[in-house]
N, C-alpha and C. Protein backbone atom coordinates (compact mmCIF):
# COMPACT_ATOMS: atom_id res chain seq x y z
N MET A 1 -17.39 197.68 143.93
CA MET A 1 -18.43 196.89 142.42
C MET A 1 -19.45 198.16 142.19
N GLN A 2 -19.55 198.29 141.01
CA GLN A 2 -20.55 199.25 140.37
C GLN A 2 -21.82 198.57 140.48
N ALA A 3 -22.63 199.52 140.86
CA ALA A 3 -24.01 199.30 140.93
C ALA A 3 -24.71 199.50 139.50
N ILE A 4 -25.70 198.25 139.40
CA ILE A 4 -26.27 197.98 137.98
C ILE A 4 -27.50 197.74 138.17
N VAL A 5 -28.16 197.37 137.17
CA VAL A 5 -29.61 196.93 136.99
C VAL A 5 -29.33 195.71 136.42
N GLU A 6 -29.76 194.33 137.17
CA GLU A 6 -29.59 193.42 137.05
C GLU A 6 -30.64 192.54 135.89
N GLY A 7 -31.80 192.98 136.61
CA GLY A 7 -32.96 192.58 135.20
C GLY A 7 -34.01 193.41 135.41
N ILE A 8 -34.98 193.42 134.70
CA ILE A 8 -36.09 194.00 134.69
C ILE A 8 -37.31 193.15 134.22
N TYR A 9 -38.45 193.34 135.27
CA TYR A 9 -39.42 192.35 135.27
C TYR A 9 -40.44 193.32 135.18
N THR A 10 -41.84 192.57 134.71
CA THR A 10 -43.10 193.36 134.61
C THR A 10 -44.09 192.32 134.13
N SER A 11 -45.51 192.78 134.28
CA SER A 11 -46.78 191.59 133.83
C SER A 11 -47.61 192.78 134.09
N ALA A 12 -48.55 192.55 132.70
CA ALA A 12 -49.63 193.64 132.29
C ALA A 12 -50.58 193.28 133.24
N VAL A 13 -51.07 192.15 133.51
CA VAL A 13 -52.09 191.90 134.43
C VAL A 13 -51.81 191.34 135.81
N LYS A 14 -52.91 191.99 136.91
CA LYS A 14 -52.13 191.69 138.18
C LYS A 14 -52.72 189.78 138.64
N GLY A 15 -51.72 189.37 139.45
CA GLY A 15 -51.79 188.13 140.14
C GLY A 15 -51.14 187.33 138.52
N THR A 16 -50.61 187.66 137.87
CA THR A 16 -49.79 186.86 136.65
C THR A 16 -48.30 187.16 136.89
N PRO A 17 -47.76 185.97 136.55
CA PRO A 17 -46.12 185.89 137.13
C PRO A 17 -45.55 187.30 136.10
N LEU A 18 -44.41 187.63 136.91
CA LEU A 18 -43.79 188.71 136.42
C LEU A 18 -42.49 187.85 135.08
N HIS A 19 -42.23 188.44 134.32
CA HIS A 19 -41.39 188.31 133.25
C HIS A 19 -40.19 188.52 132.93
N SER A 20 -39.79 188.10 132.64
CA SER A 20 -37.91 188.96 132.34
C SER A 20 -38.14 190.16 130.91
N VAL A 21 -37.75 191.16 130.93
CA VAL A 21 -37.86 191.93 129.75
C VAL A 21 -36.26 192.05 129.24
N SER A 22 -35.93 192.43 128.07
CA SER A 22 -34.57 193.07 127.71
C SER A 22 -34.20 194.27 127.84
N GLU A 23 -35.73 194.93 127.83
CA GLU A 23 -35.48 196.27 128.26
C GLU A 23 -36.76 196.90 128.31
N GLY A 24 -36.58 197.99 129.30
CA GLY A 24 -37.91 198.83 129.74
C GLY A 24 -37.85 200.41 129.76
N LYS A 25 -39.24 200.58 129.16
CA LYS A 25 -39.65 201.95 129.27
C LYS A 25 -39.72 202.55 130.32
N LEU A 26 -39.29 203.58 131.15
CA LEU A 26 -39.88 204.14 132.32
C LEU A 26 -40.59 205.39 132.18
N GLU A 27 -41.71 206.23 132.28
CA GLU A 27 -42.15 207.13 131.90
C GLU A 27 -42.59 208.07 133.21
N ALA A 28 -41.80 208.85 132.84
CA ALA A 28 -42.33 210.12 134.49
C ALA A 28 -43.71 210.12 134.78
N GLY A 29 -43.55 209.94 136.08
CA GLY A 29 -45.17 209.89 136.64
C GLY A 29 -46.07 208.76 136.70
N ARG A 30 -45.58 207.79 135.58
CA ARG A 30 -46.34 206.84 135.45
C ARG A 30 -45.59 205.25 136.18
N GLY A 31 -44.52 205.06 135.58
CA GLY A 31 -43.59 203.88 135.84
C GLY A 31 -43.33 203.22 134.56
N LEU A 32 -43.19 201.73 134.69
CA LEU A 32 -42.74 201.11 134.16
C LEU A 32 -43.97 200.59 132.72
N VAL A 33 -43.82 201.18 131.18
CA VAL A 33 -44.34 200.98 130.48
C VAL A 33 -45.11 199.77 130.26
N GLY A 34 -46.24 199.21 130.23
CA GLY A 34 -46.75 197.73 130.02
C GLY A 34 -46.88 197.07 131.39
N ASP A 35 -46.62 197.76 132.31
CA ASP A 35 -46.57 196.96 133.49
C ASP A 35 -48.28 197.18 134.24
N ARG A 36 -48.38 196.49 135.06
CA ARG A 36 -49.84 196.35 135.69
C ARG A 36 -49.88 197.81 136.49
N TYR A 37 -49.37 198.26 137.39
CA TYR A 37 -49.33 199.37 137.91
C TYR A 37 -49.41 200.71 137.04
N HIS A 38 -48.33 200.37 136.04
CA HIS A 38 -48.58 201.70 134.46
C HIS A 38 -49.90 201.52 134.22
N ALA A 39 -50.47 200.77 134.26
CA ALA A 39 -51.88 200.63 133.68
C ALA A 39 -52.86 201.05 134.90
N GLY A 40 -52.70 201.01 135.94
CA GLY A 40 -53.45 201.36 136.91
C GLY A 40 -54.32 200.17 137.70
N VAL A 41 -53.96 198.55 137.15
CA VAL A 41 -54.70 197.69 137.10
C VAL A 41 -54.14 196.67 138.12
N GLY A 42 -52.75 196.75 139.11
CA GLY A 42 -52.04 195.99 140.00
C GLY A 42 -52.93 195.89 141.16
N THR A 43 -52.57 194.38 141.75
CA THR A 43 -53.55 194.23 143.04
C THR A 43 -53.54 195.94 143.82
N PHE A 44 -52.64 196.52 143.99
CA PHE A 44 -52.70 197.42 145.13
C PHE A 44 -53.13 198.83 144.16
N SER A 45 -53.31 198.62 143.15
CA SER A 45 -53.65 199.96 142.08
C SER A 45 -54.92 200.96 143.07
N GLU A 46 -55.72 200.28 143.34
CA GLU A 46 -56.69 201.45 144.02
C GLU A 46 -56.12 201.89 145.14
N ASN A 47 -55.77 201.23 146.14
CA ASN A 47 -54.92 201.89 147.33
C ASN A 47 -54.05 202.96 147.23
N LEU A 48 -53.25 202.55 145.94
CA LEU A 48 -51.90 203.64 145.66
C LEU A 48 -52.40 204.70 144.51
N ARG A 49 -53.51 204.59 144.05
CA ARG A 49 -53.77 205.94 143.42
C ARG A 49 -53.25 207.22 143.90
N GLY A 50 -52.92 207.53 142.63
CA GLY A 50 -52.26 209.34 142.80
C GLY A 50 -50.73 209.41 143.84
N ARG A 51 -50.48 208.03 144.29
CA ARG A 51 -49.35 208.12 145.28
C ARG A 51 -47.91 208.01 144.16
N PRO A 52 -46.98 208.75 144.67
CA PRO A 52 -45.92 208.58 143.73
C PRO A 52 -44.79 207.31 144.05
N ASP A 53 -45.62 206.50 144.92
CA ASP A 53 -44.89 205.45 145.42
C ASP A 53 -45.31 204.41 144.84
N ALA A 54 -46.20 203.95 143.58
CA ALA A 54 -46.97 203.41 143.19
C ALA A 54 -46.54 203.31 141.86
N GLU A 55 -45.49 203.96 141.66
CA GLU A 55 -44.86 204.05 140.22
C GLU A 55 -43.78 202.80 139.51
N ILE A 56 -42.70 202.39 140.35
CA ILE A 56 -41.54 201.72 140.55
C ILE A 56 -41.14 201.05 141.40
N THR A 57 -40.79 199.71 141.66
CA THR A 57 -40.08 198.99 142.55
C THR A 57 -38.90 198.41 142.09
N LEU A 58 -37.88 198.28 143.37
CA LEU A 58 -36.76 197.72 143.17
C LEU A 58 -36.37 197.12 144.11
N ILE A 59 -35.43 195.75 143.56
CA ILE A 59 -35.05 194.74 144.93
C ILE A 59 -33.85 194.56 144.47
N GLU A 60 -33.08 194.33 145.30
CA GLU A 60 -31.56 193.94 145.39
C GLU A 60 -31.41 192.37 145.20
N SER A 61 -30.29 191.95 144.22
CA SER A 61 -30.33 190.69 143.72
C SER A 61 -29.67 189.44 145.03
N GLU A 62 -28.64 190.80 145.57
CA GLU A 62 -28.36 190.20 147.11
C GLU A 62 -29.16 189.69 148.22
N GLU A 63 -30.29 190.61 148.30
CA GLU A 63 -31.73 190.20 149.10
C GLU A 63 -32.28 189.16 148.65
N ILE A 64 -32.25 188.61 147.42
CA ILE A 64 -32.83 187.64 146.93
C ILE A 64 -32.28 186.36 147.09
N GLN A 65 -30.93 186.15 146.87
CA GLN A 65 -29.99 185.69 147.36
C GLN A 65 -30.05 184.71 148.64
N ARG A 66 -29.83 186.10 149.44
CA ARG A 66 -29.45 185.92 150.83
C ARG A 66 -31.24 184.84 151.28
N PHE A 67 -32.09 185.59 150.88
CA PHE A 67 -33.75 184.67 151.32
C PHE A 67 -33.20 182.98 150.52
N ASN A 68 -32.71 183.12 149.55
CA ASN A 68 -33.37 181.62 149.20
C ASN A 68 -31.87 181.04 150.25
N ASP A 69 -30.87 181.57 150.64
CA ASP A 69 -30.19 180.55 151.34
C ASP A 69 -30.46 180.57 152.48
N VAL A 70 -31.04 181.37 153.22
CA VAL A 70 -31.79 181.19 154.21
C VAL A 70 -33.12 180.38 154.20
N GLU A 71 -33.83 180.33 153.13
CA GLU A 71 -34.69 179.61 153.65
C GLU A 71 -34.59 178.17 152.57
N LYS A 72 -33.47 177.99 152.06
CA LYS A 72 -33.18 176.65 151.21
C LYS A 72 -33.88 176.78 149.92
N SER A 73 -34.03 177.72 149.11
CA SER A 73 -35.02 177.50 147.96
C SER A 73 -34.60 178.39 146.94
N ALA A 74 -35.03 178.20 145.80
CA ALA A 74 -34.33 178.79 144.82
C ALA A 74 -35.44 179.72 143.97
N LYS A 75 -36.25 180.80 144.70
CA LYS A 75 -37.04 181.72 144.35
C LYS A 75 -36.08 182.37 142.86
N SER A 76 -37.09 182.66 141.80
CA SER A 76 -36.53 183.62 140.88
C SER A 76 -36.88 184.71 141.27
N PRO A 77 -36.08 186.05 140.51
CA PRO A 77 -36.11 187.32 140.94
C PRO A 77 -37.86 187.91 141.00
N GLY A 78 -38.47 187.01 139.58
CA GLY A 78 -39.60 187.88 139.40
C GLY A 78 -40.48 187.52 139.95
N GLU A 79 -40.25 186.22 140.74
CA GLU A 79 -41.16 185.90 142.05
C GLU A 79 -41.60 186.85 143.14
N PHE A 80 -40.51 187.98 143.23
CA PHE A 80 -40.65 188.74 144.18
C PHE A 80 -41.01 190.03 143.78
N ARG A 81 -42.07 190.16 142.74
CA ARG A 81 -43.10 190.68 142.47
C ARG A 81 -42.49 192.18 142.32
N ARG A 82 -40.82 192.75 142.10
CA ARG A 82 -40.51 193.93 141.59
C ARG A 82 -39.92 194.49 140.24
N ASN A 83 -39.97 195.24 139.86
CA ASN A 83 -39.80 195.72 138.49
C ASN A 83 -38.39 195.44 138.17
N ILE A 84 -37.78 196.43 138.91
CA ILE A 84 -35.81 196.20 138.77
C ILE A 84 -35.17 195.61 139.63
N VAL A 85 -34.44 194.63 139.53
CA VAL A 85 -33.48 194.23 140.42
C VAL A 85 -32.09 194.52 139.77
N THR A 86 -31.51 194.72 140.98
CA THR A 86 -30.35 195.48 141.22
C THR A 86 -29.28 194.57 141.64
N ARG A 87 -27.71 195.30 141.47
CA ARG A 87 -26.59 194.64 142.24
C ARG A 87 -25.90 195.85 142.37
N GLY A 88 -25.39 195.39 143.41
CA GLY A 88 -24.40 196.24 144.00
C GLY A 88 -24.31 197.66 144.84
N VAL A 89 -26.09 197.77 145.15
CA VAL A 89 -26.44 199.08 145.70
C VAL A 89 -27.36 198.88 147.04
N ARG A 90 -27.25 199.35 147.96
CA ARG A 90 -27.87 199.31 149.16
C ARG A 90 -28.97 200.17 148.66
N LEU A 91 -30.66 199.49 148.64
CA LEU A 91 -31.65 200.63 148.00
C LEU A 91 -32.21 201.38 149.03
N ASN A 92 -32.38 200.63 150.38
CA ASN A 92 -32.74 201.12 151.62
C ASN A 92 -32.01 202.97 151.87
N ASP A 93 -30.78 202.98 151.06
CA ASP A 93 -30.02 203.94 151.88
C ASP A 93 -30.14 205.38 150.75
N LEU A 94 -31.35 204.51 149.55
CA LEU A 94 -31.93 205.75 148.71
C LEU A 94 -33.15 206.40 148.93
N ILE A 95 -33.84 206.07 150.14
CA ILE A 95 -35.28 206.62 150.64
C ILE A 95 -34.72 208.51 150.68
N GLY A 96 -35.41 209.15 149.85
CA GLY A 96 -35.46 210.28 149.88
C GLY A 96 -34.48 210.86 149.19
N CYS A 97 -33.83 209.94 148.18
CA CYS A 97 -32.62 210.44 147.29
C CYS A 97 -33.06 210.32 146.22
N ARG A 98 -32.47 211.18 145.01
CA ARG A 98 -32.66 211.30 143.41
C ARG A 98 -31.54 210.31 142.93
N PHE A 99 -31.62 209.28 141.85
CA PHE A 99 -31.12 208.31 141.47
C PHE A 99 -31.14 208.44 140.17
N SER A 100 -29.87 207.90 139.59
CA SER A 100 -30.64 207.34 137.98
C SER A 100 -30.28 205.55 137.90
N VAL A 101 -31.08 205.63 136.89
CA VAL A 101 -31.03 203.95 136.61
C VAL A 101 -30.86 204.49 135.06
N GLY A 102 -30.11 204.26 134.49
CA GLY A 102 -29.18 204.53 132.96
C GLY A 102 -29.65 206.25 132.77
N ALA A 103 -30.16 206.24 131.77
CA ALA A 103 -30.94 207.98 131.55
C ALA A 103 -31.81 208.01 132.22
N ALA A 104 -32.57 207.20 132.99
CA ALA A 104 -33.85 207.66 133.89
C ALA A 104 -33.61 208.35 135.10
N VAL A 105 -34.18 209.01 135.76
CA VAL A 105 -33.82 209.52 136.88
C VAL A 105 -34.99 209.45 138.09
N LEU A 106 -34.76 208.43 138.94
CA LEU A 106 -35.59 208.47 140.00
C LEU A 106 -35.74 209.23 141.56
N GLU A 107 -36.76 208.95 142.05
CA GLU A 107 -36.41 209.59 143.60
C GLU A 107 -37.08 208.05 144.46
N GLY A 108 -36.15 207.39 145.66
CA GLY A 108 -36.85 206.58 146.57
C GLY A 108 -37.93 207.37 147.47
N ILE A 109 -38.74 206.54 147.76
CA ILE A 109 -40.04 207.13 148.38
C ILE A 109 -40.02 206.53 149.80
N ARG A 110 -40.14 205.10 149.83
CA ARG A 110 -40.09 204.37 150.82
C ARG A 110 -39.92 202.87 150.71
N LEU A 111 -39.55 202.11 151.73
CA LEU A 111 -39.26 200.65 151.63
C LEU A 111 -40.38 199.79 150.63
N CYS A 112 -40.38 198.99 150.20
CA CYS A 112 -41.14 198.31 149.76
C CYS A 112 -41.59 197.08 150.48
N GLU A 113 -42.18 196.74 151.67
CA GLU A 113 -42.13 195.45 152.53
C GLU A 113 -42.75 194.50 151.71
N PRO A 114 -42.33 193.58 152.47
CA PRO A 114 -43.24 192.19 151.92
C PRO A 114 -44.51 192.55 152.46
N CYS A 115 -45.54 191.25 151.96
CA CYS A 115 -47.18 191.69 152.53
C CYS A 115 -47.63 190.37 152.56
N VAL A 116 -48.48 190.15 152.89
CA VAL A 116 -49.28 189.08 152.86
C VAL A 116 -49.63 188.49 151.48
N HIS A 117 -50.00 189.67 150.71
CA HIS A 117 -50.02 188.94 149.46
C HIS A 117 -48.94 188.23 148.69
N LEU A 118 -47.73 189.21 148.73
CA LEU A 118 -46.51 188.35 148.26
C LEU A 118 -46.26 187.05 149.41
N ALA A 119 -46.58 186.99 150.51
CA ALA A 119 -46.27 185.83 151.24
C ALA A 119 -47.39 184.65 150.47
N LYS A 120 -48.30 184.75 150.19
CA LYS A 120 -49.18 183.74 149.43
C LYS A 120 -48.51 183.25 148.47
N LEU A 121 -48.15 184.14 147.78
CA LEU A 121 -47.32 183.72 146.49
C LEU A 121 -45.91 183.12 146.17
N VAL A 122 -44.92 183.25 147.50
CA VAL A 122 -43.69 183.10 147.46
C VAL A 122 -43.55 182.00 148.22
N SER A 123 -43.94 182.82 149.84
CA SER A 123 -43.43 181.80 151.19
C SER A 123 -44.19 182.69 152.26
N SER A 124 -44.76 181.72 153.06
CA SER A 124 -45.32 182.42 154.22
C SER A 124 -44.62 183.04 155.37
N SER A 125 -43.05 182.81 155.01
CA SER A 125 -41.77 183.18 155.78
C SER A 125 -41.04 184.62 155.04
N VAL A 126 -41.80 184.92 153.89
CA VAL A 126 -41.07 185.93 153.18
C VAL A 126 -41.54 186.97 154.11
N VAL A 127 -42.50 187.66 154.81
CA VAL A 127 -42.86 188.70 155.79
C VAL A 127 -41.48 188.83 156.60
N GLU A 128 -41.12 187.34 156.98
CA GLU A 128 -40.53 187.53 158.03
C GLU A 128 -38.86 188.01 157.83
N THR A 129 -38.45 187.21 157.10
CA THR A 129 -37.17 186.66 156.25
C THR A 129 -36.85 188.36 155.49
N MET A 130 -37.72 188.60 154.89
CA MET A 130 -37.42 189.74 153.84
C MET A 130 -37.91 191.18 154.66
N ALA A 131 -38.41 191.28 155.69
CA ALA A 131 -38.62 192.36 156.53
C ALA A 131 -37.56 193.35 156.14
N HIS A 132 -37.56 194.99 155.89
CA HIS A 132 -36.71 196.07 155.44
C HIS A 132 -35.82 195.57 154.58
N ARG A 133 -36.07 194.16 153.76
CA ARG A 133 -35.23 193.89 152.81
C ARG A 133 -35.64 193.87 151.53
N ALA A 134 -37.00 193.69 151.75
CA ALA A 134 -37.57 193.61 150.09
C ALA A 134 -38.06 194.50 149.15
N GLY A 135 -37.11 195.82 149.33
CA GLY A 135 -36.83 196.44 148.20
C GLY A 135 -37.55 197.78 148.44
N LEU A 136 -37.42 198.65 147.19
CA LEU A 136 -37.39 200.01 147.41
C LEU A 136 -39.01 200.39 146.27
N ARG A 137 -39.74 201.62 146.80
CA ARG A 137 -40.68 202.09 146.05
C ARG A 137 -39.99 203.52 145.90
N ALA A 138 -40.28 203.59 144.38
CA ALA A 138 -39.65 205.23 143.89
C ALA A 138 -40.87 205.37 143.01
N ARG A 139 -40.47 206.75 142.56
CA ARG A 139 -41.33 207.64 141.15
C ARG A 139 -40.07 207.74 140.28
N VAL A 140 -40.87 207.92 139.14
CA VAL A 140 -40.21 208.19 137.49
C VAL A 140 -40.24 209.76 137.57
N LEU A 141 -38.98 210.18 138.13
CA LEU A 141 -38.84 212.03 137.51
C LEU A 141 -38.67 212.12 135.88
N SER A 142 -37.69 211.38 135.71
CA SER A 142 -37.22 211.79 134.28
C SER A 142 -37.27 210.29 133.61
N GLY A 143 -38.22 209.94 132.31
CA GLY A 143 -37.99 208.88 131.83
C GLY A 143 -36.68 208.52 130.87
N ALA A 144 -37.15 207.05 130.53
CA ALA A 144 -36.04 206.64 129.46
C ALA A 144 -36.09 205.08 129.24
N ILE A 145 -34.91 204.89 128.10
CA ILE A 145 -35.20 203.46 128.22
C ILE A 145 -34.16 202.74 129.21
N ILE A 146 -34.65 201.49 129.50
CA ILE A 146 -33.22 200.97 130.48
C ILE A 146 -33.33 199.58 130.16
N ARG A 147 -32.14 199.44 130.55
CA ARG A 147 -31.57 197.89 130.18
C ARG A 147 -31.25 197.27 130.99
N PRO A 148 -30.81 196.11 131.49
CA PRO A 148 -29.83 194.86 132.38
C PRO A 148 -28.33 195.49 132.10
N GLY A 149 -27.52 195.61 133.02
CA GLY A 149 -26.20 196.32 133.11
C GLY A 149 -25.99 198.18 132.98
N ASP A 150 -27.27 198.62 132.92
CA ASP A 150 -27.18 200.02 132.86
C ASP A 150 -26.79 200.34 134.48
N GLU A 151 -25.90 201.55 134.82
CA GLU A 151 -25.60 201.86 135.80
C GLU A 151 -26.78 202.67 136.86
N ILE A 152 -26.15 202.44 138.01
CA ILE A 152 -27.57 203.17 139.07
C ILE A 152 -26.40 204.04 139.85
N ASN A 153 -26.68 205.48 139.65
CA ASN A 153 -25.78 206.64 140.46
C ASN A 153 -26.92 207.50 141.31
N GLN A 154 -26.20 207.70 142.50
CA GLN A 154 -26.78 208.42 143.53
C GLN A 154 -26.45 209.84 142.58
N LEU A 155 -27.96 210.72 142.94
CA LEU A 155 -27.81 211.96 142.67
C LEU A 155 -28.22 212.92 143.69
N GLY A 156 -28.14 214.28 143.79
CA GLY A 156 -28.54 215.40 144.71
C GLY A 156 -28.06 214.99 146.51
N ARG A 157 -27.32 214.44 146.49
CA ARG A 157 -26.69 213.90 147.53
C ARG A 157 -24.90 214.28 147.59
N GLU A 158 -24.39 214.43 148.74
CA GLU A 158 -22.90 214.87 148.72
C GLU A 158 -22.47 213.17 148.85
N ALA A 159 -23.24 212.22 149.68
CA ALA A 159 -22.60 210.97 150.04
C ALA A 159 -22.82 210.30 148.47
N THR A 160 -22.02 208.99 148.36
CA THR A 160 -21.84 208.41 147.39
C THR A 160 -22.62 207.18 147.86
N LEU A 161 -23.21 206.44 146.96
CA LEU A 161 -23.76 204.99 147.33
C LEU A 161 -23.00 204.41 148.03
N ASP A 162 -23.67 203.49 148.77
CA ASP A 162 -23.06 202.48 149.60
C ASP A 162 -22.98 200.95 148.56
N LEU A 163 -21.63 201.02 147.91
CA LEU A 163 -21.43 199.68 146.86
C LEU A 163 -21.19 198.80 147.49
N ARG A 164 -21.56 197.87 147.71
CA ARG A 164 -20.84 196.24 148.01
C ARG A 164 -19.78 195.87 147.46
N MET A 165 -19.20 195.65 148.05
CA MET A 165 -17.87 194.87 147.67
C MET A 165 -17.73 193.61 147.22
């Protein structure tokens, strides 16, 4: 299975729902143009100011589906408040790794663990059910326009992506 971008989500204002966009512009050192964290007005912007892990977040569509199956819910990808929804790649394996998303180059920084804020918006069970599965925080090394369907490829390591079968 090929690793791809399944969706791109953004919100210009903290606390408002994320909405799907047909394309997004990733800007090196800043993140997704038009998103609250790009503008420095996200819920955690003050705590993350100057840190590279504030630029962009990714989550696996397979983990969203797993959450919905376990919790018998129908939460949409945007409700998990991550910018890029992927399919066919284990994001946890990209910590400390450079990877391309379409023509953009990102670096995985750390897990994007679920928090109390997300639990208030999604479900109290999200913290436990999505622990170590809620996505990846990354920085944008080289920007580009990205779209759903764009390939995700690991760069800078000898090993290849752990693609899901």
